[in-house]
Protein backbone atom coordinates (compact mmCIF):
# COMPACT_ATOMS: atom_id res chain seq x y z
CA UNK A 1 -67.85 42.90 151.15
CA UNK A 2 -67.26 45.02 154.23
CA UNK A 3 -70.99 45.13 154.89
CA UNK A 4 -71.26 41.35 154.55
CA UNK A 5 -68.35 40.86 156.96
CA UNK A 6 -69.99 43.25 159.43
CA UNK A 7 -73.33 41.41 159.22
CA UNK A 8 -71.65 38.02 159.76
CA UNK A 9 -69.66 39.34 162.72
CA UNK A 10 -72.78 40.92 164.23
CA UNK A 11 -74.74 37.69 163.86
CA UNK A 12 -71.88 35.71 165.41
CA UNK A 13 -71.66 38.07 168.38
CA UNK A 14 -75.41 37.94 168.96
CA UNK A 15 -75.38 34.13 168.85
CA UNK A 16 -72.55 33.94 171.41
CA UNK A 17 -74.27 36.49 173.64
CA UNK A 18 -77.49 34.45 173.56
CA UNK A 19 -75.58 31.26 174.35
CA UNK A 20 -73.84 32.93 177.29
CA UNK A 21 -77.11 34.35 178.61
CA UNK A 22 -78.72 30.90 178.55
CA UNK A 23 -75.81 28.90 179.96
CA UNK A 24 -74.25 31.05 182.67
CA UNK A 25 -74.33 30.44 186.43
CA UNK A 26 -74.55 33.63 188.48
CA UNK A 27 -72.06 33.79 191.35
CA UNK A 28 -72.32 35.85 194.53
CA UNK A 29 -70.93 33.59 197.26
CA UNK A 30 -68.94 30.40 197.80
CA UNK A 31 -72.13 28.33 197.66
CA UNK A 32 -72.63 29.41 194.05
CA UNK A 33 -69.46 27.51 193.16
CA UNK A 34 -71.18 24.14 193.58
CA UNK A 35 -71.35 23.50 189.79
CA UNK A 36 -67.63 24.25 189.45
CA UNK A 37 -66.60 21.96 192.31
CA UNK A 38 -68.71 19.20 190.80
CA UNK A 39 -67.30 19.74 187.30
CA UNK A 40 -63.70 19.63 188.59
CA UNK A 41 -64.42 16.05 189.59
CA UNK A 42 -61.27 13.98 190.15
CA UNK A 43 -58.85 16.45 188.55
CA UNK A 44 -55.36 16.37 190.06
CA UNK A 45 -54.23 19.76 188.75
CA UNK A 46 -56.67 22.67 189.07
CA UNK A 47 -55.29 25.79 187.41
CA UNK A 48 -56.82 29.10 188.53
CA UNK A 49 -55.95 32.05 186.34
CA UNK A 50 -56.27 35.81 186.45
CA UNK A 51 -56.43 38.48 183.76
CA UNK A 52 -54.15 40.76 185.80
CA UNK A 53 -51.81 40.52 188.79
CA UNK A 54 -53.52 43.39 190.59
CA UNK A 55 -57.27 42.71 190.84
CA UNK A 56 -59.00 42.16 194.20
CA UNK A 57 -61.79 39.90 192.91
CA UNK A 58 -59.47 37.45 191.17
CA UNK A 59 -57.68 36.78 194.46
CA UNK A 60 -60.85 36.51 196.54
CA UNK A 61 -62.64 34.16 194.12
CA UNK A 62 -59.55 31.99 193.81
CA UNK A 63 -59.44 31.88 197.61
CA UNK A 64 -63.07 30.72 197.77
CA UNK A 65 -62.38 27.97 195.22
CA UNK A 66 -59.15 26.98 196.97
CA UNK A 67 -60.81 26.59 200.37
CA UNK A 68 -63.52 24.37 198.95
CA UNK A 69 -61.04 22.19 197.06
CA UNK A 70 -58.99 21.70 200.22
CA UNK A 71 -61.97 21.00 202.47
CA UNK A 72 -64.07 18.93 200.06
CA UNK A 73 -61.62 17.28 197.66
CA UNK A 74 -58.45 16.86 199.69
CA UNK A 75 -56.07 19.03 197.72
CA UNK A 76 -52.54 18.89 199.07
CA UNK A 77 -50.83 22.18 198.23
CA UNK A 78 -50.98 25.49 196.39
CA UNK A 79 -48.34 26.54 193.84
CA UNK A 80 -48.16 30.10 192.55
CA UNK A 81 -46.43 32.36 190.05
CA UNK A 82 -43.96 33.51 192.70
CA UNK A 83 -40.35 33.09 193.83
CA UNK A 84 -39.42 29.80 195.49
CA UNK A 85 -37.42 31.21 198.48
CA UNK A 86 -40.08 33.75 199.52
CA UNK A 87 -42.96 31.33 199.06
CA UNK A 88 -41.08 28.57 200.88
CA UNK A 89 -40.77 30.83 203.92
CA UNK A 90 -44.52 31.46 203.73
CA UNK A 91 -45.04 27.70 203.41
CA UNK A 92 -43.15 27.14 206.67
CA UNK A 93 -45.29 29.75 208.42
CA UNK A 94 -48.48 28.19 207.08
CA UNK A 95 -47.38 24.75 208.31
CA UNK A 96 -46.43 26.05 211.75
CA UNK A 97 -42.69 25.33 211.62
CA UNK A 98 -40.70 26.90 214.52
CA UNK A 99 -39.17 30.34 213.87
CA UNK A 100 -41.09 30.72 210.60
CA UNK A 101 -42.58 34.13 211.42
CA UNK A 102 -45.03 35.67 213.84
CA UNK A 103 -47.78 36.47 211.34
CA UNK A 104 -48.63 36.30 207.65
CA UNK A 105 -48.25 40.07 207.53
CA UNK A 106 -44.65 39.87 208.80
CA UNK A 107 -43.69 37.12 206.36
CA UNK A 108 -45.33 38.75 203.33
CA UNK A 109 -43.74 42.13 204.13
CA UNK A 110 -40.44 40.49 203.16
CA UNK A 111 -41.61 39.85 199.59
CA UNK A 112 -39.51 42.72 198.26
CA UNK A 113 -38.90 41.91 194.59
CA UNK A 114 -40.88 44.07 192.19
CA UNK A 115 -43.82 43.72 191.62
CA UNK A 116 -44.28 43.43 195.38
CA UNK A 117 -48.08 43.62 195.25
CA UNK A 118 -48.50 40.25 193.52
CA UNK A 119 -48.18 38.34 196.81
CA UNK A 120 -47.62 41.03 199.45
CA UNK A 121 -51.27 41.99 199.69
CA UNK A 122 -54.06 41.76 202.23
CA UNK A 123 -55.97 39.23 200.15
CA UNK A 124 -53.07 36.76 200.49
CA UNK A 125 -52.73 37.60 204.20
CA UNK A 126 -56.31 36.42 204.69
CA UNK A 127 -55.72 33.19 202.76
CA UNK A 128 -52.46 32.53 204.59
CA UNK A 129 -53.95 32.91 208.06
CA UNK A 130 -56.84 30.62 207.10
CA UNK A 131 -54.39 28.00 205.81
CA UNK A 132 -52.34 28.18 209.02
CA UNK A 133 -55.42 27.85 211.20
CA UNK A 134 -56.59 24.87 209.12
CA UNK A 135 -53.15 23.25 209.17
CA UNK A 136 -52.63 23.47 212.91
CA UNK A 137 -55.52 21.04 213.32
CA UNK A 138 -53.69 18.42 211.21
CA UNK A 139 -50.60 16.22 211.62
CA UNK A 140 -47.51 17.85 210.06
CA UNK A 141 -47.36 15.38 207.17
CA UNK A 142 -50.94 16.26 206.14
CA UNK A 143 -50.63 20.05 206.23
CA UNK A 144 -51.33 22.10 203.11
CA UNK A 145 -48.24 23.57 201.43
CA UNK A 146 -47.62 26.82 199.55
CA UNK A 147 -44.83 27.02 196.96
CA UNK A 148 -43.46 29.34 194.28
CA UNK A 149 -42.89 28.19 190.72
CA UNK A 150 -40.90 30.98 189.09
CA UNK A 151 -37.26 31.40 187.99
CA UNK A 152 -36.55 35.01 188.95
CA UNK A 153 -34.94 34.40 192.36
CA UNK A 154 -31.38 33.70 191.19
CA UNK A 155 -29.59 35.53 194.01
CA UNK A 156 -32.04 34.53 196.73
CA UNK A 157 -31.92 30.85 195.71
CA UNK A 158 -28.10 30.80 195.76
CA UNK A 159 -28.15 32.49 199.17
CA UNK A 160 -30.56 29.89 200.54
CA UNK A 161 -28.37 27.05 199.20
CA UNK A 162 -25.26 28.53 200.80
CA UNK A 163 -27.03 28.99 204.12
CA UNK A 164 -28.09 25.34 204.17
CA UNK A 165 -24.92 23.69 202.87
CA UNK A 166 -22.59 25.70 205.11
CA UNK A 167 -24.10 23.85 208.08
CA UNK A 168 -24.57 20.42 206.51
CA UNK A 169 -22.05 19.70 203.72
CA UNK A 170 -18.70 21.56 203.53
CA UNK A 171 -17.74 19.96 200.20
CA UNK A 172 -21.02 20.89 198.51
CA UNK A 173 -20.77 24.32 200.14
CA UNK A 174 -17.51 24.98 198.27
CA UNK A 175 -19.20 24.10 194.97
CA UNK A 176 -22.12 26.37 195.83
CA UNK A 177 -19.72 29.16 196.74
CA UNK A 178 -18.04 28.82 193.35
CA UNK A 179 -21.41 29.09 191.57
CA UNK A 180 -22.43 32.07 193.68
CA UNK A 181 -19.11 33.83 193.11
CA UNK A 182 -19.58 33.52 189.37
CA UNK A 183 -22.66 35.76 189.55
CA UNK A 184 -21.28 38.13 192.17
CA UNK A 185 -19.68 40.60 189.69
CA UNK A 186 -23.19 41.24 188.32
CA UNK A 187 -24.71 41.72 191.78
CA UNK A 188 -26.83 38.62 191.09
CA UNK A 189 -28.85 40.70 188.59
CA UNK A 190 -30.01 38.38 185.81
CA UNK A 191 -30.31 41.09 183.17
CA UNK A 192 -26.83 42.47 183.90
CA UNK A 193 -25.40 38.95 183.74
CA UNK A 194 -27.19 38.29 180.44
CA UNK A 195 -25.80 41.48 178.87
CA UNK A 196 -22.30 40.38 179.89
CA UNK A 197 -22.65 36.92 178.32
CA UNK A 198 -23.85 38.52 175.09
CA UNK A 199 -20.62 40.55 174.88
CA UNK A 200 -18.20 37.97 176.31
CA UNK A 201 -18.53 34.24 175.49
CA UNK A 202 -18.35 33.20 179.13
CA UNK A 203 -21.18 32.01 181.35
CA UNK A 204 -21.88 30.45 184.73
CA UNK A 205 -23.74 27.50 183.23
CA UNK A 206 -21.15 24.86 184.19
CA UNK A 207 -21.07 26.13 187.77
CA UNK A 208 -24.83 25.83 188.31
CA UNK A 209 -24.94 22.44 186.56
CA UNK A 210 -22.20 21.15 188.87
CA UNK A 211 -24.07 22.54 191.88
CA UNK A 212 -27.31 20.76 190.98
CA UNK A 213 -25.46 17.49 190.34
CA UNK A 214 -23.70 17.70 193.71
CA UNK A 215 -26.89 18.36 195.65
CA UNK A 216 -28.84 15.63 193.86
CA UNK A 217 -26.10 13.06 194.54
CA UNK A 218 -25.82 13.99 198.23
CA UNK A 219 -29.41 14.76 199.26
CA UNK A 220 -30.13 11.20 200.44
CA UNK A 221 -27.46 11.71 203.12
CA UNK A 222 -28.89 14.97 204.47
CA UNK A 223 -30.69 14.25 207.73
CA UNK A 224 -32.38 17.61 208.30
CA UNK A 225 -36.15 17.92 207.80
CA UNK A 226 -37.10 16.43 204.44
CA UNK A 227 -38.87 19.56 203.20
CA UNK A 228 -35.78 21.75 203.60
CA UNK A 229 -33.73 19.17 201.68
CA UNK A 230 -36.29 19.32 198.86
CA UNK A 231 -36.17 23.13 199.00
CA UNK A 232 -32.37 23.14 198.66
CA UNK A 233 -32.57 20.94 195.57
CA UNK A 234 -35.33 23.12 194.14
CA UNK A 235 -33.23 26.25 194.65
CA UNK A 236 -30.50 24.57 192.59
CA UNK A 237 -33.02 23.94 189.80
CA UNK A 238 -34.03 27.61 190.02
CA UNK A 239 -30.39 28.72 189.70
CA UNK A 240 -29.83 26.47 186.69
CA UNK A 241 -32.99 27.49 184.84
CA UNK A 242 -32.63 31.16 185.79
CA UNK A 243 -29.15 31.20 184.25
CA UNK A 244 -30.57 29.71 181.05
CA UNK A 245 -33.57 32.03 181.12
CA UNK A 246 -31.61 35.26 181.41
CA UNK A 247 -29.12 34.31 178.70
CA UNK A 248 -31.95 33.57 176.28
CA UNK A 249 -34.04 36.57 177.35
CA UNK A 250 -31.41 38.99 176.05
CA UNK A 251 -31.60 37.36 172.60
CA UNK A 252 -35.37 37.84 172.27
CA UNK A 253 -37.70 35.23 170.81
CA UNK A 254 -39.86 32.60 172.51
CA UNK A 255 -37.13 30.43 174.07
CA UNK A 256 -36.82 32.38 177.34
CA UNK A 257 -40.61 32.21 177.83
CA UNK A 258 -40.51 28.47 177.19
CA UNK A 259 -37.65 27.92 179.65
CA UNK A 260 -39.68 29.69 182.31
CA UNK A 261 -42.93 27.79 181.73
CA UNK A 262 -41.18 24.44 181.35
CA UNK A 263 -39.49 25.12 184.69
CA UNK A 264 -42.85 25.88 186.32
CA UNK A 265 -44.48 22.75 184.86
CA UNK A 266 -41.59 20.49 185.89
CA UNK A 267 -41.61 22.05 189.38
CA UNK A 268 -45.28 21.12 189.69
CA UNK A 269 -44.53 17.53 188.79
CA UNK A 270 -41.61 17.39 191.26
CA UNK A 271 -43.89 18.75 193.98
CA UNK A 272 -46.52 16.12 193.20
CA UNK A 273 -43.91 13.35 193.45
CA UNK A 274 -42.65 14.86 196.71
CA UNK A 275 -46.15 14.88 198.24
CA UNK A 276 -47.10 11.50 196.79
CA UNK A 277 -48.20 10.55 193.28
CA UNK A 278 -51.88 10.88 194.23
CA UNK A 279 -51.50 14.37 195.71
CA UNK A 280 -53.50 17.22 194.21
CA UNK A 281 -52.35 20.75 193.43
CA UNK A 282 -54.07 24.13 193.05
CA UNK A 283 -52.15 26.52 190.79
CA UNK A 284 -52.49 30.32 190.88
CA UNK A 285 -51.01 31.99 187.79
CA UNK A 286 -51.88 34.50 185.10
CA UNK A 287 -54.23 33.34 182.34
CA UNK A 288 -51.31 33.45 179.89
CA UNK A 289 -49.68 30.61 181.84
CA UNK A 290 -52.65 28.41 182.77
CA UNK A 291 -54.83 28.69 179.64
CA UNK A 292 -53.71 26.25 176.92
CA UNK A 293 -51.32 28.16 174.62
CA UNK A 294 -52.38 26.05 171.63
CA UNK A 295 -55.71 27.92 171.63
CA UNK A 296 -54.00 31.31 171.18
CA UNK A 297 -51.58 33.08 168.86
CA UNK A 298 -48.81 32.08 171.27
CA UNK A 299 -48.62 28.81 169.34
CA UNK A 300 -47.84 30.68 166.11
CA UNK A 301 -44.83 32.22 167.87
CA UNK A 302 -43.53 28.84 169.05
CA UNK A 303 -44.47 29.44 172.67
CA UNK A 304 -45.72 26.83 175.13
CA UNK A 305 -47.12 27.30 178.62
CA UNK A 306 -47.99 25.48 181.83
CA UNK A 307 -51.58 24.75 180.81
CA UNK A 308 -50.49 23.16 177.54
CA UNK A 309 -47.61 21.17 179.04
CA UNK A 310 -49.72 19.69 181.83
CA UNK A 311 -52.57 18.87 179.44
CA UNK A 312 -50.15 16.95 177.22
CA UNK A 313 -48.42 15.13 180.09
CA UNK A 314 -51.51 13.98 181.97
CA UNK A 315 -54.61 12.01 181.11
CA UNK A 316 -57.84 13.71 180.13
CA UNK A 317 -59.75 14.85 183.21
CA UNK A 318 -56.61 15.22 185.35
CA UNK A 319 -56.09 18.90 184.46
CA UNK A 320 -58.85 21.52 184.87
CA UNK A 321 -58.24 25.11 183.74
CA UNK A 322 -60.27 28.10 184.98
CA UNK A 323 -59.79 31.47 183.28
CA UNK A 324 -60.78 34.84 184.74
CA UNK A 325 -61.72 38.19 183.20
CA UNK A 326 -63.64 41.42 183.72
CA UNK A 327 -65.30 44.19 181.73
CA UNK A 328 -64.09 47.28 183.59
CA UNK A 329 -62.90 48.56 186.97
CA UNK A 330 -59.50 49.16 188.52
CA UNK A 331 -56.15 47.42 188.83
CA UNK A 332 -52.77 47.75 190.54
CA UNK A 333 -49.90 47.96 188.05
CA UNK A 334 -46.88 50.02 187.03
CA UNK A 335 -46.50 52.10 183.90
CA UNK A 336 -43.02 50.69 183.28
CA UNK A 337 -40.98 47.75 184.54
CA UNK A 338 -39.78 48.46 188.07
CA UNK A 339 -41.89 51.63 188.20
CA UNK A 340 -43.98 52.95 191.04
CA UNK A 341 -47.11 51.01 191.97
CA UNK A 342 -50.30 52.74 190.83
CA UNK A 343 -54.05 52.38 190.99
CA UNK A 344 -55.04 52.45 187.34
CA UNK A 345 -58.49 52.53 185.84
CA UNK A 346 -59.39 49.50 183.73
CA UNK A 347 -61.47 50.87 180.83
CA UNK A 348 -64.44 49.09 179.32
CA UNK A 349 -63.24 46.24 177.15
CA UNK A 350 -63.22 46.78 173.40
CA UNK A 351 -66.18 45.83 171.24
CA UNK A 352 -66.18 42.24 170.06
CA UNK A 353 -63.82 41.04 172.79
CA UNK A 354 -64.66 38.13 175.06
CA UNK A 355 -65.22 40.45 178.01
CA UNK A 356 -67.52 42.66 175.90
CA UNK A 357 -69.64 39.65 174.91
CA UNK A 358 -69.85 38.51 178.54
CA UNK A 359 -70.98 41.98 179.59
CA UNK A 360 -73.61 42.12 176.85
CA UNK A 361 -75.02 38.80 178.04
CA UNK A 362 -75.80 40.42 181.40
CA UNK A 363 -73.81 42.47 183.87
CA UNK A 364 -73.99 39.87 186.65
CA UNK A 365 -70.80 38.11 187.78
CA UNK A 366 -70.97 34.62 186.35
CA UNK A 367 -69.42 31.20 185.88
CA UNK A 368 -69.39 29.64 182.41
CA UNK A 369 -68.44 26.11 181.31
CA UNK A 370 -67.14 25.46 177.81
CA UNK A 371 -67.73 21.73 177.30
CA UNK A 372 -71.10 22.26 175.55
CA UNK A 373 -69.40 24.45 172.92
CA UNK A 374 -66.32 22.38 172.10
CA UNK A 375 -67.97 21.13 168.91
CA UNK A 376 -69.77 24.39 168.07
CA UNK A 377 -68.05 26.01 165.02
CA UNK A 378 -69.10 29.49 166.19
CA UNK A 379 -66.90 29.11 169.26
CA UNK A 380 -63.95 27.93 167.13
CA UNK A 381 -63.21 31.53 166.16
CA UNK A 382 -60.35 33.43 167.80
CA UNK A 383 -61.90 36.05 170.11
CA UNK A 384 -59.82 38.78 171.75
CA UNK A 385 -59.40 38.12 175.48
CA UNK A 386 -57.89 40.86 177.66
CA UNK A 387 -54.57 40.26 179.43
CA UNK A 388 -53.12 42.91 181.76
CA UNK A 389 -49.57 42.55 182.98
CA UNK A 390 -47.68 44.14 185.86
CA UNK A 391 -46.86 46.91 183.36
CA UNK A 392 -50.07 48.46 182.05
CA UNK A 393 -50.84 51.53 179.95
CA UNK A 394 -54.59 51.40 179.29
CA UNK A 395 -54.61 54.10 176.62
CA UNK A 396 -52.69 51.66 174.38
CA UNK A 397 -54.39 48.44 175.42
CA UNK A 398 -56.29 47.80 172.17
CA UNK A 399 -52.92 47.45 170.43
CA UNK A 400 -51.51 44.70 172.58
CA UNK A 401 -53.62 43.62 175.55
CA UNK A 402 -56.02 41.26 173.77
CA UNK A 403 -54.96 37.67 173.12
CA UNK A 404 -56.84 36.01 170.22
CA UNK A 405 -58.27 32.88 171.86
CA UNK A 406 -60.45 29.90 171.02
CA UNK A 407 -62.06 29.93 174.43
CA UNK A 408 -63.37 26.31 174.70
CA UNK A 409 -59.87 25.08 173.84
CA UNK A 410 -58.10 27.49 176.18
CA UNK A 411 -60.13 26.85 179.37
CA UNK A 412 -62.57 24.37 180.86
CA UNK A 413 -64.43 27.10 182.75
CA UNK A 414 -64.41 30.87 183.03
CA UNK A 415 -65.25 33.26 185.88
CA UNK A 416 -66.38 36.68 184.75
CA UNK A 417 -66.49 39.73 187.05
CA UNK A 418 -68.31 42.66 185.51
CA UNK A 419 -66.61 45.41 187.55
CA UNK A 420 -63.45 44.93 189.56
CA UNK A 421 -61.36 46.98 191.97
CA UNK A 422 -57.62 47.06 192.70
CA UNK A 423 -56.25 44.67 195.29
CA UNK A 424 -54.91 45.96 198.61
CA UNK A 425 -51.08 45.88 198.74
CA UNK A 426 -49.08 45.72 201.96
CA UNK A 427 -46.16 47.87 200.86
CA UNK A 428 -46.88 51.58 201.06
CA UNK A 429 -43.27 52.80 201.10
CA UNK A 430 -40.90 53.56 198.18
CA UNK A 431 -40.80 50.65 195.72
CA UNK A 432 -44.41 50.08 196.65
CA UNK A 433 -45.96 53.49 197.18
CA UNK A 434 -49.40 53.79 195.58
CA UNK A 435 -49.65 57.13 193.78
CA UNK A 436 -52.53 58.66 191.82
CA UNK A 437 -52.21 57.84 188.16
CA UNK A 438 -51.18 60.90 186.14
CA UNK A 439 -53.23 59.96 183.09
CA UNK A 440 -56.98 60.52 182.63
CA UNK A 441 -57.51 56.80 183.25
CA UNK A 442 -56.47 57.15 186.90
CA UNK A 443 -58.89 56.28 189.70
């Protein structure tokens, strides 16, 4: 029986390898993305993934795709797996607002929440300066935006709300101050707040609900620039959903994940309405957020994600999902949450994994489309697909870094990089110092 299973698995792998070899598009430059740009067609949401938050090539290839979508297909804004307040400041720099910062480097240096390297890196500096240069040739209302989708900025979002309302709405300011004061004993630390609510049946939920209601009822009367009004309302949504997220996170289970991804998906839809119902968005997030969760074991755990939610909400052809992966190389990550930033060696992917099969089909970097295999039963199998987080311990990766995935259901296209290198972070001081990895995997 074991021999029969081995023979079947071997035959399956060889078939997939042959199919990949025959149907891949080699990629070396932006011009090689022509088939992808054509296949994206009239999609309104283009989701660009990454298999880690610390890989140079994922950022540079997403930048190449992003530039072409903006220049050739009129995309309106970029939304990323980042904090709203920090990204909103970068958005104002990109659009050329007064007093928004002297350079992308200066603005991104202020991205101080761990993991700093996700957005405070030289790859994003290059994209940001290109966006600003492009935008300054356009009327303000047509300039490309850059926004954060995440829920982690509880304290920063409350601070931004207070700063705005203090100048514009004394009554709403008092409500915001009440909400902010509720979190003050926990130093605006979501985890500390969550531990408290687990021990004492008291929460700040009513305070953040009241704050959001007040801002939503008053925003039509605010006569400052319309984007800052939208940002203030969005910060109230962040505070509300962050409060829910942290309370559920301490309990374990899938609900906190779902709160986070539902927040990101609803933020995308609010941004589209804000820019006009026909506006188009480019999303930069980890594969675990943009690849359809129904094609993975996440579904068995009751988890949803952005890729699934958008695919359900919007008509076929409106959402296009691009996954990323690599066989080996290097990555920036920490060995524990909040730990020092390290260059860590990414070992060769395990046998039978998606990245292994891509490598065996040829070591060239390549672009693959999945539509021709959606009805092929061989591709209906769950294949392990590597996912590296901001915490990474490669010596244990075979026990938890591979997500069983039905690839044609998870993505519309896939970009494979055979060998990668770590991205180039801006922060080289404590809380961001790159140190040699102490394990034999280190670069």
